[in-house]
N, C-alpha and C. Protein backbone atom coordinates (compact mmCIF):
# COMPACT_ATOMS: atom_id res chain seq x y z
N UNK A 1 -111.53 24.30 -20.50
CA UNK A 1 -112.00 25.68 -20.61
C UNK A 1 -113.51 25.65 -20.88
N UNK A 2 -114.26 26.30 -20.02
CA UNK A 2 -115.71 26.33 -20.19
C UNK A 2 -116.12 27.16 -21.39
N UNK A 3 -117.24 26.77 -21.99
CA UNK A 3 -117.79 27.50 -23.13
C UNK A 3 -119.18 28.02 -22.76
N UNK A 4 -119.30 29.34 -22.71
CA UNK A 4 -120.58 29.98 -22.40
C UNK A 4 -121.12 30.68 -23.65
N UNK A 5 -122.43 30.76 -23.71
CA UNK A 5 -123.11 31.48 -24.77
C UNK A 5 -123.96 32.57 -24.15
N UNK A 6 -123.77 33.80 -24.61
CA UNK A 6 -124.62 34.90 -24.20
C UNK A 6 -125.47 35.29 -25.39
N UNK A 7 -126.78 35.26 -25.20
CA UNK A 7 -127.73 35.63 -26.24
C UNK A 7 -128.39 36.94 -25.85
N UNK A 8 -128.31 37.92 -26.73
CA UNK A 8 -128.98 39.20 -26.53
C UNK A 8 -130.05 39.39 -27.59
N UNK A 9 -131.23 39.70 -27.13
CA UNK A 9 -132.37 39.86 -28.02
C UNK A 9 -132.52 41.26 -28.58
N UNK A 10 -133.74 41.60 -28.99
CA UNK A 10 -134.00 42.83 -29.72
C UNK A 10 -133.61 44.09 -28.97
N UNK A 11 -133.04 45.00 -29.72
CA UNK A 11 -132.68 46.35 -29.30
C UNK A 11 -131.47 46.43 -28.37
N UNK A 12 -130.92 45.28 -27.98
CA UNK A 12 -129.72 45.34 -27.13
C UNK A 12 -128.56 45.96 -27.90
N UNK A 13 -128.55 45.79 -29.19
CA UNK A 13 -127.51 46.41 -30.02
C UNK A 13 -127.60 47.93 -30.01
N UNK A 14 -128.68 48.48 -29.47
CA UNK A 14 -128.86 49.94 -29.39
C UNK A 14 -128.54 50.48 -28.00
N UNK A 15 -127.80 49.71 -27.19
CA UNK A 15 -127.35 50.24 -25.91
C UNK A 15 -126.57 51.53 -26.15
N UNK A 16 -126.74 52.48 -25.27
CA UNK A 16 -126.06 53.77 -25.40
C UNK A 16 -126.78 54.72 -26.34
N UNK A 17 -127.78 54.21 -27.03
CA UNK A 17 -128.58 55.03 -27.95
C UNK A 17 -129.99 55.20 -27.40
N UNK A 18 -130.59 54.10 -26.97
CA UNK A 18 -131.98 54.13 -26.51
C UNK A 18 -132.07 54.24 -24.99
N UNK A 19 -133.00 55.01 -24.54
CA UNK A 19 -133.34 55.13 -23.12
C UNK A 19 -132.13 55.05 -22.19
N UNK A 20 -131.24 56.01 -22.33
CA UNK A 20 -130.00 56.01 -21.53
C UNK A 20 -130.29 56.07 -20.04
N UNK A 21 -131.40 56.68 -19.66
CA UNK A 21 -131.75 56.76 -18.24
C UNK A 21 -132.14 55.39 -17.69
N UNK A 22 -132.52 54.46 -18.55
CA UNK A 22 -132.90 53.11 -18.13
C UNK A 22 -131.74 52.13 -18.31
N UNK A 23 -131.08 52.20 -19.46
CA UNK A 23 -130.08 51.20 -19.82
C UNK A 23 -128.64 51.68 -19.73
N UNK A 24 -128.44 52.94 -19.42
CA UNK A 24 -127.10 53.49 -19.27
C UNK A 24 -126.54 54.10 -20.54
N UNK A 25 -125.40 54.72 -20.40
CA UNK A 25 -124.78 55.46 -21.50
C UNK A 25 -123.78 54.64 -22.31
N UNK A 26 -123.36 53.50 -21.74
CA UNK A 26 -122.38 52.67 -22.43
C UNK A 26 -123.03 51.97 -23.62
N UNK A 27 -122.28 51.85 -24.72
CA UNK A 27 -122.84 51.24 -25.92
C UNK A 27 -122.61 49.73 -25.95
N UNK A 28 -123.15 49.11 -26.99
CA UNK A 28 -123.08 47.65 -27.10
C UNK A 28 -121.64 47.16 -27.22
N UNK A 29 -120.81 47.91 -27.92
CA UNK A 29 -119.41 47.54 -28.06
C UNK A 29 -118.73 47.52 -26.69
N UNK A 30 -119.10 48.44 -25.82
CA UNK A 30 -118.56 48.46 -24.45
C UNK A 30 -118.94 47.16 -23.73
N UNK A 31 -120.20 46.75 -23.87
CA UNK A 31 -120.65 45.50 -23.25
C UNK A 31 -119.85 44.31 -23.78
N UNK A 32 -119.64 44.26 -25.09
CA UNK A 32 -118.87 43.16 -25.68
C UNK A 32 -117.45 43.11 -25.13
N UNK A 33 -116.83 44.27 -24.98
CA UNK A 33 -115.46 44.33 -24.44
C UNK A 33 -115.44 43.91 -22.97
N UNK A 34 -116.46 44.31 -22.21
CA UNK A 34 -116.58 43.93 -20.81
C UNK A 34 -116.67 42.40 -20.67
N UNK A 35 -117.49 41.80 -21.51
CA UNK A 35 -117.65 40.34 -21.50
C UNK A 35 -116.37 39.64 -21.92
N UNK A 36 -115.74 40.13 -22.98
CA UNK A 36 -114.49 39.52 -23.46
C UNK A 36 -113.40 39.59 -22.39
N UNK A 37 -113.31 40.72 -21.71
CA UNK A 37 -112.31 40.87 -20.64
C UNK A 37 -112.58 39.87 -19.52
N UNK A 38 -113.84 39.72 -19.15
CA UNK A 38 -114.21 38.77 -18.10
C UNK A 38 -113.82 37.34 -18.52
N UNK A 39 -114.12 37.00 -19.76
CA UNK A 39 -113.76 35.67 -20.27
C UNK A 39 -112.27 35.41 -20.18
N UNK A 40 -111.46 36.41 -20.55
CA UNK A 40 -110.00 36.27 -20.46
C UNK A 40 -109.56 36.09 -19.02
N UNK A 41 -110.14 36.89 -18.12
CA UNK A 41 -109.75 36.84 -16.71
C UNK A 41 -110.01 35.48 -16.08
N UNK A 42 -111.11 34.85 -16.46
CA UNK A 42 -111.46 33.57 -15.82
C UNK A 42 -111.13 32.36 -16.69
N UNK A 43 -110.54 32.60 -17.85
CA UNK A 43 -110.14 31.50 -18.73
C UNK A 43 -111.33 30.74 -19.30
N UNK A 44 -112.27 31.50 -19.84
CA UNK A 44 -113.51 30.93 -20.34
C UNK A 44 -113.79 31.45 -21.75
N UNK A 45 -114.24 30.55 -22.62
CA UNK A 45 -114.64 30.97 -23.96
C UNK A 45 -116.09 31.46 -23.89
N UNK A 46 -116.32 32.69 -24.30
CA UNK A 46 -117.67 33.26 -24.26
C UNK A 46 -118.03 33.76 -25.66
N UNK A 47 -119.06 33.17 -26.20
CA UNK A 47 -119.61 33.63 -27.49
C UNK A 47 -120.80 34.53 -27.18
N UNK A 48 -120.86 35.67 -27.86
CA UNK A 48 -122.01 36.57 -27.72
C UNK A 48 -122.74 36.60 -29.05
N UNK A 49 -124.04 36.39 -28.97
CA UNK A 49 -124.91 36.37 -30.15
C UNK A 49 -126.02 37.38 -29.92
N UNK A 50 -126.22 38.30 -30.85
CA UNK A 50 -127.30 39.28 -30.75
C UNK A 50 -128.13 39.25 -32.02
N UNK A 51 -129.44 39.30 -31.83
CA UNK A 51 -130.34 39.38 -32.97
C UNK A 51 -131.62 40.08 -32.54
N UNK A 52 -132.28 40.66 -33.50
CA UNK A 52 -133.59 41.26 -33.28
C UNK A 52 -134.72 40.32 -33.71
N UNK A 53 -134.37 39.08 -34.03
CA UNK A 53 -135.33 38.13 -34.60
C UNK A 53 -135.56 36.92 -33.68
N UNK A 54 -136.80 36.69 -33.36
CA UNK A 54 -137.18 35.62 -32.44
C UNK A 54 -136.71 34.25 -32.92
N UNK A 55 -136.93 33.95 -34.17
CA UNK A 55 -136.54 32.64 -34.71
C UNK A 55 -135.04 32.41 -34.64
N UNK A 56 -134.26 33.45 -34.83
CA UNK A 56 -132.80 33.31 -34.75
C UNK A 56 -132.37 32.97 -33.32
N UNK A 57 -133.06 33.51 -32.33
CA UNK A 57 -132.76 33.17 -30.93
C UNK A 57 -133.06 31.69 -30.69
N UNK A 58 -134.20 31.25 -31.18
CA UNK A 58 -134.59 29.84 -31.02
C UNK A 58 -133.57 28.93 -31.71
N UNK A 59 -133.20 29.27 -32.93
CA UNK A 59 -132.20 28.48 -33.66
C UNK A 59 -130.89 28.41 -32.88
N UNK A 60 -130.46 29.55 -32.30
CA UNK A 60 -129.18 29.55 -31.58
C UNK A 60 -129.25 28.72 -30.30
N UNK A 61 -130.37 28.78 -29.61
CA UNK A 61 -130.55 27.93 -28.42
C UNK A 61 -130.49 26.47 -28.81
N UNK A 62 -131.18 26.10 -29.88
CA UNK A 62 -131.17 24.70 -30.32
C UNK A 62 -129.77 24.27 -30.76
N UNK A 63 -129.04 25.15 -31.43
CA UNK A 63 -127.67 24.82 -31.84
C UNK A 63 -126.79 24.59 -30.62
N UNK A 64 -127.05 25.31 -29.53
CA UNK A 64 -126.25 25.18 -28.31
C UNK A 64 -126.31 23.77 -27.75
N UNK A 65 -127.38 23.08 -28.02
CA UNK A 65 -127.55 21.72 -27.52
C UNK A 65 -126.42 20.80 -27.96
N UNK A 66 -125.91 21.02 -29.16
CA UNK A 66 -124.91 20.08 -29.70
C UNK A 66 -123.57 20.72 -30.07
N UNK A 67 -123.38 22.00 -29.76
CA UNK A 67 -122.13 22.64 -30.19
C UNK A 67 -121.10 22.81 -29.06
N UNK A 68 -121.34 22.16 -27.93
CA UNK A 68 -120.39 22.24 -26.82
C UNK A 68 -120.66 23.36 -25.83
N UNK A 69 -121.72 24.12 -26.05
CA UNK A 69 -122.08 25.16 -25.09
C UNK A 69 -122.40 24.51 -23.75
N UNK A 70 -121.82 25.05 -22.69
CA UNK A 70 -122.01 24.47 -21.37
C UNK A 70 -123.02 25.25 -20.52
N UNK A 71 -123.22 26.53 -20.84
CA UNK A 71 -124.21 27.35 -20.12
C UNK A 71 -124.67 28.48 -21.03
N UNK A 72 -125.92 28.88 -20.85
CA UNK A 72 -126.50 29.97 -21.63
C UNK A 72 -126.90 31.10 -20.69
N UNK A 73 -126.49 32.30 -21.07
CA UNK A 73 -126.96 33.52 -20.41
C UNK A 73 -127.77 34.24 -21.47
N UNK A 74 -129.01 34.60 -21.13
CA UNK A 74 -129.87 35.19 -22.14
C UNK A 74 -130.56 36.44 -21.62
N UNK A 75 -130.51 37.48 -22.43
CA UNK A 75 -131.33 38.67 -22.22
C UNK A 75 -132.27 38.71 -23.42
N UNK A 76 -133.47 38.16 -23.26
CA UNK A 76 -134.39 38.08 -24.40
C UNK A 76 -135.00 39.42 -24.81
N UNK A 77 -134.65 40.51 -24.11
CA UNK A 77 -135.26 41.80 -24.43
C UNK A 77 -136.77 41.70 -24.27
N UNK A 78 -137.50 42.37 -25.13
CA UNK A 78 -138.96 42.38 -25.05
C UNK A 78 -139.58 41.00 -25.22
N UNK A 79 -138.86 40.07 -25.84
CA UNK A 79 -139.39 38.71 -25.97
C UNK A 79 -139.60 38.05 -24.60
N UNK A 80 -138.91 38.56 -23.59
CA UNK A 80 -139.06 38.07 -22.22
C UNK A 80 -140.53 37.97 -21.81
N UNK A 81 -141.30 38.94 -22.25
CA UNK A 81 -142.65 39.14 -21.72
C UNK A 81 -143.74 38.41 -22.49
N UNK A 82 -143.38 37.80 -23.63
CA UNK A 82 -144.44 37.13 -24.39
C UNK A 82 -144.00 35.96 -25.26
N UNK A 83 -142.72 35.65 -25.32
CA UNK A 83 -142.29 34.60 -26.25
C UNK A 83 -142.29 33.22 -25.59
N UNK A 84 -143.40 32.54 -25.73
CA UNK A 84 -143.46 31.16 -25.26
C UNK A 84 -142.61 30.26 -26.15
N UNK A 85 -142.36 30.68 -27.36
CA UNK A 85 -141.49 29.90 -28.25
C UNK A 85 -140.05 29.90 -27.72
N UNK A 86 -139.57 31.05 -27.24
CA UNK A 86 -138.23 31.08 -26.66
C UNK A 86 -138.23 30.32 -25.33
N UNK A 87 -139.28 30.44 -24.55
CA UNK A 87 -139.41 29.65 -23.32
C UNK A 87 -139.26 28.17 -23.65
N UNK A 88 -140.00 27.71 -24.65
CA UNK A 88 -139.97 26.29 -25.00
C UNK A 88 -138.58 25.85 -25.48
N UNK A 89 -137.91 26.71 -26.23
CA UNK A 89 -136.56 26.38 -26.69
C UNK A 89 -135.61 26.26 -25.50
N UNK A 90 -135.70 27.21 -24.57
CA UNK A 90 -134.87 27.14 -23.37
C UNK A 90 -135.18 25.89 -22.56
N UNK A 91 -136.45 25.60 -22.41
CA UNK A 91 -136.87 24.43 -21.62
C UNK A 91 -136.40 23.13 -22.27
N UNK A 92 -136.20 23.13 -23.56
CA UNK A 92 -135.84 21.89 -24.27
C UNK A 92 -134.38 21.51 -24.08
N UNK A 93 -133.53 22.46 -23.71
CA UNK A 93 -132.11 22.14 -23.52
C UNK A 93 -131.85 21.94 -22.02
N UNK A 94 -132.38 20.84 -21.53
CA UNK A 94 -132.40 20.58 -20.08
C UNK A 94 -131.02 20.33 -19.49
N UNK A 95 -130.05 19.94 -20.30
CA UNK A 95 -128.72 19.64 -19.77
C UNK A 95 -127.83 20.87 -19.66
N UNK A 96 -128.32 22.02 -20.11
CA UNK A 96 -127.53 23.25 -20.12
C UNK A 96 -128.10 24.22 -19.09
N UNK A 97 -127.29 24.65 -18.10
CA UNK A 97 -127.77 25.68 -17.17
C UNK A 97 -128.05 26.98 -17.93
N UNK A 98 -129.11 27.68 -17.50
CA UNK A 98 -129.53 28.89 -18.18
C UNK A 98 -129.81 29.99 -17.17
N UNK A 99 -129.33 31.20 -17.47
CA UNK A 99 -129.55 32.36 -16.61
C UNK A 99 -130.13 33.48 -17.46
N UNK A 100 -131.26 34.01 -17.00
CA UNK A 100 -131.87 35.17 -17.67
C UNK A 100 -131.33 36.43 -17.01
N UNK A 101 -130.92 37.40 -17.80
CA UNK A 101 -130.37 38.65 -17.27
C UNK A 101 -131.07 39.84 -17.91
N UNK A 102 -131.29 40.87 -17.10
CA UNK A 102 -131.86 42.14 -17.57
C UNK A 102 -131.07 43.28 -16.97
N UNK A 103 -130.78 44.27 -17.78
CA UNK A 103 -130.01 45.43 -17.33
C UNK A 103 -130.81 46.25 -16.33
N UNK A 104 -132.06 46.49 -16.65
CA UNK A 104 -132.92 47.29 -15.77
C UNK A 104 -133.63 46.40 -14.75
N UNK A 105 -134.23 47.03 -13.76
CA UNK A 105 -135.03 46.30 -12.78
C UNK A 105 -136.43 46.15 -13.35
N UNK A 106 -136.68 45.02 -13.97
CA UNK A 106 -137.97 44.81 -14.64
C UNK A 106 -139.13 44.78 -13.65
N UNK A 107 -138.85 44.55 -12.37
CA UNK A 107 -139.92 44.51 -11.37
C UNK A 107 -140.36 45.90 -10.95
N UNK A 108 -139.61 46.92 -11.34
CA UNK A 108 -139.93 48.30 -10.96
C UNK A 108 -140.36 49.13 -12.16
N UNK A 109 -140.71 48.47 -13.23
CA UNK A 109 -141.08 49.19 -14.45
C UNK A 109 -142.56 48.97 -14.77
N UNK A 110 -142.93 49.14 -16.01
CA UNK A 110 -144.33 48.99 -16.41
C UNK A 110 -144.83 47.61 -16.03
N UNK A 111 -146.13 47.49 -15.80
CA UNK A 111 -146.73 46.22 -15.37
C UNK A 111 -146.38 45.08 -16.31
N UNK A 112 -146.43 45.32 -17.62
CA UNK A 112 -146.19 44.23 -18.57
C UNK A 112 -144.74 43.75 -18.54
N UNK A 113 -143.82 44.60 -18.08
CA UNK A 113 -142.41 44.20 -18.00
C UNK A 113 -142.12 43.33 -16.77
N UNK A 114 -143.01 43.34 -15.82
CA UNK A 114 -142.80 42.58 -14.58
C UNK A 114 -142.98 41.08 -14.79
N UNK A 115 -143.59 40.71 -15.90
CA UNK A 115 -143.87 39.30 -16.19
C UNK A 115 -142.81 38.77 -17.16
N UNK A 116 -142.18 37.67 -16.76
CA UNK A 116 -141.24 37.00 -17.65
C UNK A 116 -141.78 35.60 -17.92
N UNK A 117 -142.08 35.34 -19.18
CA UNK A 117 -142.50 33.98 -19.54
C UNK A 117 -141.30 33.08 -19.81
N UNK A 118 -140.12 33.68 -19.93
CA UNK A 118 -138.93 32.89 -20.21
C UNK A 118 -138.19 32.47 -18.93
N UNK A 119 -138.32 33.24 -17.86
CA UNK A 119 -137.62 32.93 -16.61
C UNK A 119 -137.91 31.54 -16.06
N UNK A 120 -139.15 31.04 -16.13
CA UNK A 120 -139.40 29.69 -15.60
C UNK A 120 -138.60 28.59 -16.31
N UNK A 121 -138.10 28.86 -17.50
CA UNK A 121 -137.29 27.88 -18.23
C UNK A 121 -135.80 28.04 -17.91
N UNK A 122 -135.49 28.99 -17.04
CA UNK A 122 -134.10 29.25 -16.66
C UNK A 122 -133.87 28.85 -15.20
N UNK A 123 -132.61 28.68 -14.86
CA UNK A 123 -132.24 28.28 -13.51
C UNK A 123 -132.15 29.48 -12.57
N UNK A 124 -131.98 30.66 -13.14
CA UNK A 124 -131.81 31.86 -12.33
C UNK A 124 -132.19 33.08 -13.17
N UNK A 125 -132.57 34.15 -12.47
CA UNK A 125 -132.86 35.42 -13.14
C UNK A 125 -132.12 36.52 -12.39
N UNK A 126 -131.45 37.38 -13.15
CA UNK A 126 -130.73 38.53 -12.59
C UNK A 126 -131.28 39.77 -13.27
N UNK A 127 -131.62 40.79 -12.48
CA UNK A 127 -132.13 42.04 -13.07
C UNK A 127 -131.74 43.22 -12.19
N UNK A 128 -131.69 44.39 -12.84
CA UNK A 128 -131.46 45.63 -12.11
C UNK A 128 -130.03 45.91 -11.70
N UNK A 129 -129.07 45.20 -12.25
CA UNK A 129 -127.67 45.41 -11.88
C UNK A 129 -126.87 46.09 -12.99
N UNK A 130 -127.58 46.64 -13.98
CA UNK A 130 -126.88 47.26 -15.10
C UNK A 130 -126.08 46.23 -15.87
N UNK A 131 -125.04 46.68 -16.53
CA UNK A 131 -124.21 45.76 -17.31
C UNK A 131 -123.48 44.78 -16.42
N UNK A 132 -123.28 45.13 -15.15
CA UNK A 132 -122.64 44.22 -14.19
C UNK A 132 -123.43 42.93 -14.05
N UNK A 133 -124.71 42.97 -14.33
CA UNK A 133 -125.53 41.76 -14.27
C UNK A 133 -124.99 40.66 -15.18
N UNK A 134 -124.42 41.04 -16.31
CA UNK A 134 -123.82 40.04 -17.21
C UNK A 134 -122.62 39.37 -16.55
N UNK A 135 -121.79 40.17 -15.89
CA UNK A 135 -120.61 39.62 -15.21
C UNK A 135 -121.03 38.71 -14.06
N UNK A 136 -122.05 39.12 -13.33
CA UNK A 136 -122.58 38.28 -12.25
C UNK A 136 -123.13 36.97 -12.82
N UNK A 137 -123.80 37.06 -13.95
CA UNK A 137 -124.35 35.85 -14.59
C UNK A 137 -123.24 34.91 -15.03
N UNK A 138 -122.15 35.46 -15.54
CA UNK A 138 -121.01 34.63 -15.93
C UNK A 138 -120.46 33.90 -14.71
N UNK A 139 -120.28 34.63 -13.62
CA UNK A 139 -119.80 34.00 -12.39
C UNK A 139 -120.74 32.91 -11.92
N UNK A 140 -122.03 33.20 -11.94
CA UNK A 140 -123.03 32.22 -11.50
C UNK A 140 -123.03 30.99 -12.41
N UNK A 141 -122.88 31.20 -13.72
CA UNK A 141 -122.85 30.08 -14.66
C UNK A 141 -121.66 29.18 -14.37
N UNK A 142 -120.50 29.77 -14.12
CA UNK A 142 -119.32 28.98 -13.81
C UNK A 142 -119.53 28.17 -12.53
N UNK A 143 -120.14 28.79 -11.54
CA UNK A 143 -120.45 28.05 -10.29
C UNK A 143 -121.40 26.89 -10.55
N UNK A 144 -122.38 27.10 -11.41
CA UNK A 144 -123.33 26.03 -11.74
C UNK A 144 -122.64 24.85 -12.42
N UNK A 145 -121.57 25.13 -13.13
CA UNK A 145 -120.87 24.09 -13.88
C UNK A 145 -119.90 23.29 -13.01
N UNK A 146 -119.63 23.77 -11.81
CA UNK A 146 -118.69 23.06 -10.92
C UNK A 146 -119.38 21.99 -10.13
């Protein structure tokens, strides 16, 4: 049974509350249930970790190196655009496939959102597919592990 880790960064816990026109009306609990259902359907253990703190994301990535995590899916939130520390943490776990996911189309938003400093440390980037992007990332991660 594969073990995946999904890391959600700042403000993702406010889905359904903040900018509904950008991120949708479904709340964070809905996303968690969507992910859990997908894990059950494909027979995969999926841990979801959310924090608003940069250092906690780095710690969790580093822990993934030795805790049996086989792939990481990460939505770094606003850290996407400036956290070289998260980039470096992702780049350091070279044996683990990594997929960056964004709910909105970051390429069609403000100029500063179009730049991802974390994507180069990942194997793939998915954006603009809403919450379905997480499900697509799970499928892609499983394919990467085969």
